[in-house]
Amino acid sequence: MSLVTAAALSAMIVAAPGLAKDKKPMDPNKRICRSEVPTGSMMSKSVCHTRAEWIMIDEQNQAATDSAIRSRRTNGQ
């Protein structure tokens, strides 16, 4: 993980609890497991990461999706 990414993630995590006054602060180190079904399989697989790691994974996935959409639009398809 790059230093810039870590700094940005830390800033988001610190700022996020201030947005929800009535909720408990979210622990970035809390382990969260998601159930995923790999391509070509019918069996789900449990994937576990910390809350901070899931935020980064979700942001990277969203950036890749946005990039693919932009690329397709610029290629005239």
PDB file of N, CA and C in Angstrom:
ATOM      1  N   MET A   1       0.855  -1.164   0.000  1.00  0.00           N
ATOM      2  CA  MET A   1       0.000   0.000   0.000  1.00  0.00           C
ATOM      3  C   MET A   1       0.902   1.228   0.000  1.00  0.00           C
ATOM      4  N   SER A   2       0.592   2.170  -0.875  1.00  0.00           N
ATOM      5  CA  SER A   2       1.428   3.349  -0.951  1.00  0.00           C
ATOM      6  C   SER A   2       1.126   4.280   0.218  1.00  0.00           C
ATOM      7  N   LEU A   3       2.087   5.126   0.499  1.00  0.00           N
ATOM      8  CA  LEU A   3       1.953   6.067   1.611  1.00  0.00           C
ATOM      9  C   LEU A   3       0.817   7.046   1.363  1.00  0.00           C
ATOM     10  N   VAL A   4       0.667   7.483   0.111  1.00  0.00           N
ATOM     11  CA  VAL A   4      -0.401   8.432  -0.223  1.00  0.00           C
ATOM     12  C   VAL A   4      -1.768   7.778  -0.032  1.00  0.00           C
ATOM     13  N   THR A   5      -1.900   6.545  -0.476  1.00  0.00           N
ATOM     14  CA  THR A   5      -3.162   5.825  -0.322  1.00  0.00           C
ATOM     15  C   THR A   5      -3.488   5.625   1.151  1.00  0.00           C
ATOM     16  N   ALA A   6      -2.480   5.271   1.931  1.00  0.00           N
ATOM     17  CA  ALA A   6      -2.687   5.067   3.363  1.00  0.00           C
ATOM     18  C   ALA A   6      -3.106   6.369   4.039  1.00  0.00           C
ATOM     19  N   ALA A   7      -2.485   7.463   3.644  1.00  0.00           N
ATOM     20  CA  ALA A   7      -2.826   8.762   4.240  1.00  0.00           C
ATOM     21  C   ALA A   7      -4.255   9.165   3.874  1.00  0.00           C
ATOM     22  N   ALA A   8      -4.631   8.961   2.615  1.00  0.00           N
ATOM     23  CA  ALA A   8      -5.980   9.301   2.178  1.00  0.00           C
ATOM     24  C   ALA A   8      -7.014   8.441   2.891  1.00  0.00           C
ATOM     25  N   LEU A   9      -6.714   7.167   3.017  1.00  0.00           N
ATOM     26  CA  LEU A   9      -7.631   6.256   3.696  1.00  0.00           C
ATOM     27  C   LEU A   9      -7.787   6.641   5.164  1.00  0.00           C
ATOM     28  N   SER A  10      -6.693   6.985   5.805  1.00  0.00           N
ATOM     29  CA  SER A  10      -6.746   7.402   7.213  1.00  0.00           C
ATOM     30  C   SER A  10      -7.594   8.649   7.375  1.00  0.00           C
ATOM     31  N   ALA A  11      -7.445   9.588   6.459  1.00  0.00           N
ATOM     32  CA  ALA A  11      -8.224  10.824   6.530  1.00  0.00           C
ATOM     33  C   ALA A  11      -9.714  10.536   6.371  1.00  0.00           C
ATOM     34  N   MET A  12     -10.055   9.619   5.464  1.00  0.00           N
ATOM     35  CA  MET A  12     -11.466   9.276   5.266  1.00  0.00           C
ATOM     36  C   MET A  12     -12.042   8.593   6.495  1.00  0.00           C
ATOM     37  N   ILE A  13     -11.289   7.714   7.084  1.00  0.00           N
ATOM     38  CA  ILE A  13     -11.777   6.968   8.239  1.00  0.00           C
ATOM     39  C   ILE A  13     -11.945   7.894   9.434  1.00  0.00           C
ATOM     40  N   VAL A  14     -11.032   8.829   9.604  1.00  0.00           N
ATOM     41  CA  VAL A  14     -11.122   9.770  10.720  1.00  0.00           C
ATOM     42  C   VAL A  14     -12.291  10.718  10.511  1.00  0.00           C
ATOM     43  N   ALA A  15     -12.524  11.149   9.261  1.00  0.00           N
ATOM     44  CA  ALA A  15     -13.599  12.097   8.976  1.00  0.00           C
ATOM     45  C   ALA A  15     -14.972  11.434   9.006  1.00  0.00           C
ATOM     46  N   ALA A  16     -15.065  10.175   8.651  1.00  0.00           N
ATOM     47  CA  ALA A  16     -16.352   9.494   8.537  1.00  0.00           C
ATOM     48  C   ALA A  16     -17.165   9.481   9.830  1.00  0.00           C
ATOM     49  N   PRO A  17     -16.572   9.190  11.006  1.00  0.00           N
ATOM     50  CA  PRO A  17     -17.397   9.169  12.207  1.00  0.00           C
ATOM     51  C   PRO A  17     -18.022  10.520  12.530  1.00  0.00           C
ATOM     52  N   GLY A  18     -17.398  11.607  12.128  1.00  0.00           N
ATOM     53  CA  GLY A  18     -17.950  12.927  12.390  1.00  0.00           C
ATOM     54  C   GLY A  18     -19.211  13.197  11.602  1.00  0.00           C
ATOM     55  N   LEU A  19     -19.431  12.484  10.522  1.00  0.00           N
ATOM     56  CA  LEU A  19     -20.600  12.687   9.687  1.00  0.00           C
ATOM     57  C   LEU A  19     -21.860  12.093  10.316  1.00  0.00           C
ATOM     58  N   ALA A  20     -21.718  11.032  11.056  1.00  0.00           N
ATOM     59  CA  ALA A  20     -22.853  10.374  11.698  1.00  0.00           C
ATOM     60  C   ALA A  20     -22.756  10.588  13.205  1.00  0.00           C
ATOM     61  N   LYS A  21     -23.459  11.589  13.686  1.00  0.00           N
ATOM     62  CA  LYS A  21     -23.365  11.955  15.107  1.00  0.00           C
ATOM     63  C   LYS A  21     -23.976  10.907  16.032  1.00  0.00           C
ATOM     64  N   ASP A  22     -25.029  10.230  15.567  1.00  0.00           N
ATOM     65  CA  ASP A  22     -25.738   9.308  16.446  1.00  0.00           C
ATOM     66  C   ASP A  22     -25.188   7.883  16.394  1.00  0.00           C
ATOM     67  N   LYS A  23     -24.215   7.607  15.543  1.00  0.00           N
ATOM     68  CA  LYS A  23     -23.677   6.256  15.430  1.00  0.00           C
ATOM     69  C   LYS A  23     -22.322   6.161  16.116  1.00  0.00           C
ATOM     70  N   LYS A  24     -21.960   4.938  16.492  1.00  0.00           N
ATOM     71  CA  LYS A  24     -20.651   4.706  17.075  1.00  0.00           C
ATOM     72  C   LYS A  24     -19.591   4.884  15.996  1.00  0.00           C
ATOM     73  N   PRO A  25     -18.400   5.323  16.377  1.00  0.00           N
ATOM     74  CA  PRO A  25     -17.323   5.414  15.380  1.00  0.00           C
ATOM     75  C   PRO A  25     -17.007   4.018  14.830  1.00  0.00           C
ATOM     76  N   MET A  26     -16.745   3.959  13.542  1.00  0.00           N
ATOM     77  CA  MET A  26     -16.440   2.681  12.904  1.00  0.00           C
ATOM     78  C   MET A  26     -14.967   2.363  13.084  1.00  0.00           C
ATOM     79  N   ASP A  27     -14.689   1.169  13.545  1.00  0.00           N
ATOM     80  CA  ASP A  27     -13.323   0.723  13.763  1.00  0.00           C
ATOM     81  C   ASP A  27     -12.733   0.262  12.435  1.00  0.00           C
ATOM     82  N   PRO A  28     -11.675   0.949  11.932  1.00  0.00           N
ATOM     83  CA  PRO A  28     -11.096   0.556  10.649  1.00  0.00           C
ATOM     84  C   PRO A  28     -10.397  -0.803  10.700  1.00  0.00           C
ATOM     85  N   ASN A  29     -10.108  -1.298  11.897  1.00  0.00           N
ATOM     86  CA  ASN A  29      -9.413  -2.574  12.045  1.00  0.00           C
ATOM     87  C   ASN A  29     -10.354  -3.756  12.258  1.00  0.00           C
ATOM     88  N   LYS A  30     -11.672  -3.484  12.279  1.00  0.00           N
ATOM     89  CA  LYS A  30     -12.633  -4.567  12.474  1.00  0.00           C
ATOM     90  C   LYS A  30     -12.600  -5.499  11.262  1.00  0.00           C
ATOM     91  N   ARG A  31     -12.546  -6.775  11.526  1.00  0.00           N
ATOM     92  CA  ARG A  31     -12.492  -7.787  10.463  1.00  0.00           C
ATOM     93  C   ARG A  31     -13.904  -8.045   9.948  1.00  0.00           C
ATOM     94  N   ILE A  32     -14.070  -7.937   8.626  1.00  0.00           N
ATOM     95  CA  ILE A  32     -15.359  -8.136   7.983  1.00  0.00           C
ATOM     96  C   ILE A  32     -15.196  -9.214   6.917  1.00  0.00           C
ATOM     97  N   CYS A  33     -16.105 -10.172   6.930  1.00  0.00           N
ATOM     98  CA  CYS A  33     -16.059 -11.252   5.941  1.00  0.00           C
ATOM     99  C   CYS A  33     -17.242 -11.115   4.991  1.00  0.00           C
ATOM    100  N   ARG A  34     -16.959 -11.294   3.718  1.00  0.00           N
ATOM    101  CA  ARG A  34     -17.987 -11.272   2.685  1.00  0.00           C
ATOM    102  C   ARG A  34     -17.991 -12.621   1.988  1.00  0.00           C
ATOM    103  N   SER A  35     -19.164 -13.011   1.531  1.00  0.00           N
ATOM    104  CA  SER A  35     -19.293 -14.259   0.792  1.00  0.00           C
ATOM    105  C   SER A  35     -19.238 -13.938  -0.697  1.00  0.00           C
ATOM    106  N   GLU A  36     -18.310 -14.572  -1.419  1.00  0.00           N
ATOM    107  CA  GLU A  36     -18.162 -14.339  -2.852  1.00  0.00           C
ATOM    108  C   GLU A  36     -18.230 -15.674  -3.581  1.00  0.00           C
ATOM    109  N   VAL A  37     -18.771 -15.645  -4.799  1.00  0.00           N
ATOM    110  CA  VAL A  37     -18.833 -16.839  -5.628  1.00  0.00           C
ATOM    111  C   VAL A  37     -17.857 -16.640  -6.786  1.00  0.00           C
ATOM    112  N   PRO A  38     -16.748 -17.390  -6.794  1.00  0.00           N
ATOM    113  CA  PRO A  38     -15.783 -17.252  -7.883  1.00  0.00           C
ATOM    114  C   PRO A  38     -16.400 -17.630  -9.229  1.00  0.00           C
ATOM    115  N   THR A  39     -15.932 -16.990 -10.289  1.00  0.00           N
ATOM    116  CA  THR A  39     -16.412 -17.287 -11.637  1.00  0.00           C
ATOM    117  C   THR A  39     -16.193 -18.765 -11.954  1.00  0.00           C
ATOM    118  N   GLY A  40     -17.241 -19.403 -12.458  1.00  0.00           N
ATOM    119  CA  GLY A  40     -17.147 -20.805 -12.832  1.00  0.00           C
ATOM    120  C   GLY A  40     -17.433 -21.764 -11.690  1.00  0.00           C
ATOM    121  N   SER A  41     -17.807 -21.237 -10.538  1.00  0.00           N
ATOM    122  CA  SER A  41     -18.082 -22.087  -9.387  1.00  0.00           C
ATOM    123  C   SER A  41     -19.487 -21.826  -8.875  1.00  0.00           C
ATOM    124  N   MET A  42     -20.058 -22.816  -8.249  1.00  0.00           N
ATOM    125  CA  MET A  42     -21.356 -22.635  -7.619  1.00  0.00           C
ATOM    126  C   MET A  42     -21.213 -22.504  -6.105  1.00  0.00           C
ATOM    127  N   MET A  43     -20.010 -22.771  -5.606  1.00  0.00           N
ATOM    128  CA  MET A  43     -19.754 -22.728  -4.169  1.00  0.00           C
ATOM    129  C   MET A  43     -19.250 -21.341  -3.766  1.00  0.00           C
ATOM    130  N   SER A  44     -19.855 -20.775  -2.741  1.00  0.00           N
ATOM    131  CA  SER A  44     -19.386 -19.472  -2.267  1.00  0.00           C
ATOM    132  C   SER A  44     -18.124 -19.650  -1.422  1.00  0.00           C
ATOM    133  N   LYS A  45     -17.370 -18.586  -1.346  1.00  0.00           N
ATOM    134  CA  LYS A  45     -16.110 -18.586  -0.616  1.00  0.00           C
ATOM    135  C   LYS A  45     -16.108 -17.370   0.292  1.00  0.00           C
ATOM    136  N   SER A  46     -15.706 -17.542   1.525  1.00  0.00           N
ATOM    137  CA  SER A  46     -15.656 -16.437   2.472  1.00  0.00           C
ATOM    138  C   SER A  46     -14.322 -15.708   2.321  1.00  0.00           C
ATOM    139  N   VAL A  47     -14.399 -14.382   2.116  1.00  0.00           N
ATOM    140  CA  VAL A  47     -13.215 -13.549   1.970  1.00  0.00           C
ATOM    141  C   VAL A  47     -13.242 -12.518   3.101  1.00  0.00           C
ATOM    142  N   CYS A  48     -12.182 -12.475   3.889  1.00  0.00           N
ATOM    143  CA  CYS A  48     -12.137 -11.599   5.051  1.00  0.00           C
ATOM    144  C   CYS A  48     -11.017 -10.565   4.923  1.00  0.00           C
ATOM    145  N   HIS A  49     -11.346  -9.309   5.250  1.00  0.00           N
ATOM    146  CA  HIS A  49     -10.393  -8.205   5.291  1.00  0.00           C
ATOM    147  C   HIS A  49     -10.855  -7.246   6.386  1.00  0.00           C
ATOM    148  N   THR A  50     -10.006  -6.284   6.720  1.00  0.00           N
ATOM    149  CA  THR A  50     -10.423  -5.252   7.674  1.00  0.00           C
ATOM    150  C   THR A  50     -11.332  -4.263   6.953  1.00  0.00           C
ATOM    151  N   ARG A  51     -12.057  -3.457   7.719  1.00  0.00           N
ATOM    152  CA  ARG A  51     -12.949  -2.452   7.142  1.00  0.00           C
ATOM    153  C   ARG A  51     -12.148  -1.519   6.224  1.00  0.00           C
ATOM    154  N   ALA A  52     -10.956  -1.102   6.658  1.00  0.00           N
ATOM    155  CA  ALA A  52     -10.114  -0.209   5.861  1.00  0.00           C
ATOM    156  C   ALA A  52      -9.710  -0.871   4.545  1.00  0.00           C
ATOM    157  N   GLU A  53      -9.383  -2.153   4.588  1.00  0.00           N
ATOM    158  CA  GLU A  53      -9.004  -2.869   3.373  1.00  0.00           C
ATOM    159  C   GLU A  53     -10.187  -2.986   2.411  1.00  0.00           C
ATOM    160  N   TRP A  54     -11.390  -3.244   2.954  1.00  0.00           N
ATOM    161  CA  TRP A  54     -12.568  -3.332   2.092  1.00  0.00           C
ATOM    162  C   TRP A  54     -12.847  -1.996   1.419  1.00  0.00           C
ATOM    163  N   ILE A  55     -12.654  -0.899   2.137  1.00  0.00           N
ATOM    164  CA  ILE A  55     -12.862   0.425   1.542  1.00  0.00           C
ATOM    165  C   ILE A  55     -11.920   0.604   0.356  1.00  0.00           C
ATOM    166  N   MET A  56     -10.655   0.248   0.545  1.00  0.00           N
ATOM    167  CA  MET A  56      -9.682   0.370  -0.537  1.00  0.00           C
ATOM    168  C   MET A  56     -10.032  -0.541  -1.710  1.00  0.00           C
ATOM    169  N   ILE A  57     -10.417  -1.776  -1.434  1.00  0.00           N
ATOM    170  CA  ILE A  57     -10.781  -2.725  -2.486  1.00  0.00           C
ATOM    171  C   ILE A  57     -11.980  -2.207  -3.272  1.00  0.00           C
ATOM    172  N   ASP A  58     -12.995  -1.708  -2.568  1.00  0.00           N
ATOM    173  CA  ASP A  58     -14.187  -1.186  -3.232  1.00  0.00           C
ATOM    174  C   ASP A  58     -13.848   0.023  -4.105  1.00  0.00           C
ATOM    175  N   GLU A  59     -12.968   0.906  -3.603  1.00  0.00           N
ATOM    176  CA  GLU A  59     -12.567   2.079  -4.384  1.00  0.00           C
ATOM    177  C   GLU A  59     -11.773   1.666  -5.627  1.00  0.00           C
ATOM    178  N   GLN A  60     -10.883   0.692  -5.486  1.00  0.00           N
ATOM    179  CA  GLN A  60     -10.108   0.222  -6.635  1.00  0.00           C
ATOM    180  C   GLN A  60     -11.013  -0.434  -7.667  1.00  0.00           C
ATOM    181  N   ASN A  61     -11.980  -1.210  -7.218  1.00  0.00           N
ATOM    182  CA  ASN A  61     -12.919  -1.847  -8.136  1.00  0.00           C
ATOM    183  C   ASN A  61     -13.757  -0.803  -8.868  1.00  0.00           C
ATOM    184  N   GLN A  62     -14.189   0.231  -8.144  1.00  0.00           N
ATOM    185  CA  GLN A  62     -14.985   1.285  -8.757  1.00  0.00           C
ATOM    186  C   GLN A  62     -14.158   2.055  -9.778  1.00  0.00           C
ATOM    187  N   ALA A  63     -12.894   2.338  -9.461  1.00  0.00           N
ATOM    188  CA  ALA A  63     -12.008   3.046 -10.390  1.00  0.00           C
ATOM    189  C   ALA A  63     -11.773   2.213 -11.651  1.00  0.00           C
ATOM    190  N   ALA A  64     -11.589   0.915 -11.502  1.00  0.00           N
ATOM    191  CA  ALA A  64     -11.387   0.043 -12.659  1.00  0.00           C
ATOM    192  C   ALA A  64     -12.640   0.002 -13.531  1.00  0.00           C
ATOM    193  N   THR A  65     -13.799  -0.038 -12.901  1.00  0.00           N
ATOM    194  CA  THR A  65     -15.057  -0.044 -13.644  1.00  0.00           C
ATOM    195  C   THR A  65     -15.232   1.269 -14.401  1.00  0.00           C
ATOM    196  N   ASP A  66     -14.994   2.390 -13.729  1.00  0.00           N
ATOM    197  CA  ASP A  66     -15.103   3.709 -14.370  1.00  0.00           C
ATOM    198  C   ASP A  66     -14.135   3.826 -15.541  1.00  0.00           C
ATOM    199  N   SER A  67     -12.920   3.333 -15.367  1.00  0.00           N
ATOM    200  CA  SER A  67     -11.911   3.382 -16.423  1.00  0.00           C
ATOM    201  C   SER A  67     -12.347   2.559 -17.634  1.00  0.00           C
ATOM    202  N   ALA A  68     -12.894   1.375 -17.394  1.00  0.00           N
ATOM    203  CA  ALA A  68     -13.361   0.523 -18.489  1.00  0.00           C
ATOM    204  C   ALA A  68     -14.506   1.194 -19.240  1.00  0.00           C
ATOM    205  N   ILE A  69     -15.403   1.848 -18.525  1.00  0.00           N
ATOM    206  CA  ILE A  69     -16.528   2.532 -19.160  1.00  0.00           C
ATOM    207  C   ILE A  69     -16.027   3.701 -19.997  1.00  0.00           C
ATOM    208  N   ARG A  70     -15.105   4.502 -19.445  1.00  0.00           N
ATOM    209  CA  ARG A  70     -14.548   5.633 -20.188  1.00  0.00           C
ATOM    210  C   ARG A  70     -13.812   5.149 -21.431  1.00  0.00           C
ATOM    211  N   SER A  71     -13.054   4.067 -21.283  1.00  0.00           N
ATOM    212  CA  SER A  71     -12.302   3.518 -22.402  1.00  0.00           C
ATOM    213  C   SER A  71     -13.241   3.065 -23.519  1.00  0.00           C
ATOM    214  N   ARG A  72     -14.303   2.437 -23.146  1.00  0.00           N
ATOM    215  CA  ARG A  72     -15.259   1.969 -24.153  1.00  0.00           C
ATOM    216  C   ARG A  72     -15.920   3.143 -24.863  1.00  0.00           C
ATOM    217  N   ARG A  73     -16.225   4.196 -24.131  1.00  0.00           N
ATOM    218  CA  ARG A  73     -16.864   5.376 -24.743  1.00  0.00           C
ATOM    219  C   ARG A  73     -15.902   6.078 -25.704  1.00  0.00           C
ATOM    220  N   THR A  74     -14.625   6.165 -25.346  1.00  0.00           N
ATOM    221  CA  THR A  74     -13.667   6.870 -26.214  1.00  0.00           C
ATOM    222  C   THR A  74     -13.292   6.055 -27.434  1.00  0.00           C
ATOM    223  N   ASN A  75     -13.497   4.745 -27.403  1.00  0.00           N
ATOM    224  CA  ASN A  75     -13.196   3.903 -28.545  1.00  0.00           C
ATOM    225  C   ASN A  75     -14.350   3.845 -29.534  1.00  0.00           C
ATOM    226  N   GLY A  76     -15.414   4.578 -29.258  1.00  0.00           N
ATOM    227  CA  GLY A  76     -16.546   4.668 -30.184  1.00  0.00           C
ATOM    228  C   GLY A  76     -17.471   3.470 -30.187  1.00  0.00           C
ATOM    229  N   GLN A  77     -17.474   2.709 -29.152  1.00  0.00           N
ATOM    230  CA  GLN A  77     -18.363   1.549 -29.106  1.00  0.00           C
ATOM    231  C   GLN A  77     -19.606   1.849 -28.329  1.00  0.00           C
TER     232      GLN A  77
END
